[in-house]
Amino acid sequence: MRVFPRAGRRTRLTVLTLLGCLPGLAAALALVLCAQGADRPAAIRLAAPAPASPATRYRAPRPHIVPRSAWLDATVRRTQPPPRYDDRVVAVFVHHTDSPNGYSCAQAPEIIRRLYTGQTGDRAWDDIGYNFLVDRCGTIYEGRAGGVDRAVTGAHTQGFNHRTAGIAALGTFTAGVPVPRAVTDAIAALTAWKLGLADIDPRAGARLVSSNGLSRYREGTAVALPAVAAHKDGYRTNCPGAALTERLPEIREAAARLQGRVPATTAATSASPVPTPHGTPAKASTGTP
């Protein structure tokens, strides 16, 4: 998957090559490497909503998020400018990393490190583009620097990086590929918490403004998109793959349940999308995201 954060920049692809766990990773992996077993799904329970109170009625608990220090070390870390922030996060974009699926979860930090190296090296980005990454066991990793609880401006969906967060599932989830339940549960838990900070219903719509004509919409176009959107909703791409895209409705419902919201059948009005977008979609870019 390619994402171009700036118009006019031509970059070349970095091929993600999965390697086995390297001996040098032992110290970094000790933090997370699946303290529950190399390939045991992380325990994320979706049945219990957040405790209700007048001030935080629709806020979900924060799931465990593995810090950057678990995958980023001095051997690959690059000097970067300070993070940029928005006022809040009103939508999330779901991605897949378009990398092989046959990895052990103990290899996840190495995979993320290689993504970081490719994006900050060959593509010359200032940091990894995704705000969060989720492995096949449901472990959530901090991606882009700036603080997981803050509205960090990422580089994940060209034209719609402002007021959004990018969540990438490690792997390739094209049509027919099984999507681990641990992955969808983790994305739902992370989405429920992140959108709950701004009191956003995951089943609702979000009004976003395209900041780049290389997105699906011309620069300055106001667009109504799902609060939990697929990368392809904002950019001409197949990401996050047909299989993961098909799971987005249940992810939205699970996230809303974690926030303590009523089922969709009784919340159709309150969870309706915002008005349809106005403006003209931009012409497709020549590059393939």
Foldseek 3Di string as FASTA:
>chain_A
DDFAQDPPQDFDDDAQDFDADDPVLVVLLVVPCPPVDFAAADDFDLQDADDADPVQRQAFDADDAAEPSSQDDPVQDDDADAFDAAPAAQAEAEFAPAHAQPDTNSRVSVSLSVQQNRCCPRVVDRFRQAQWEAELSLHIYGGDDDDNQGGTQGRQAAQFSHNYGYYYYYHAAAPPDDRRPSNLSNLLNNLLNRNSVVPHQQLEWDWTAGCPLQWQAHHGWTAIGGRYHYSCVTHPACTPHPRVRVCSVVSSQSSSVNSVHDGCVVCVPVRYYDDGIDHHTHDHDPDYD
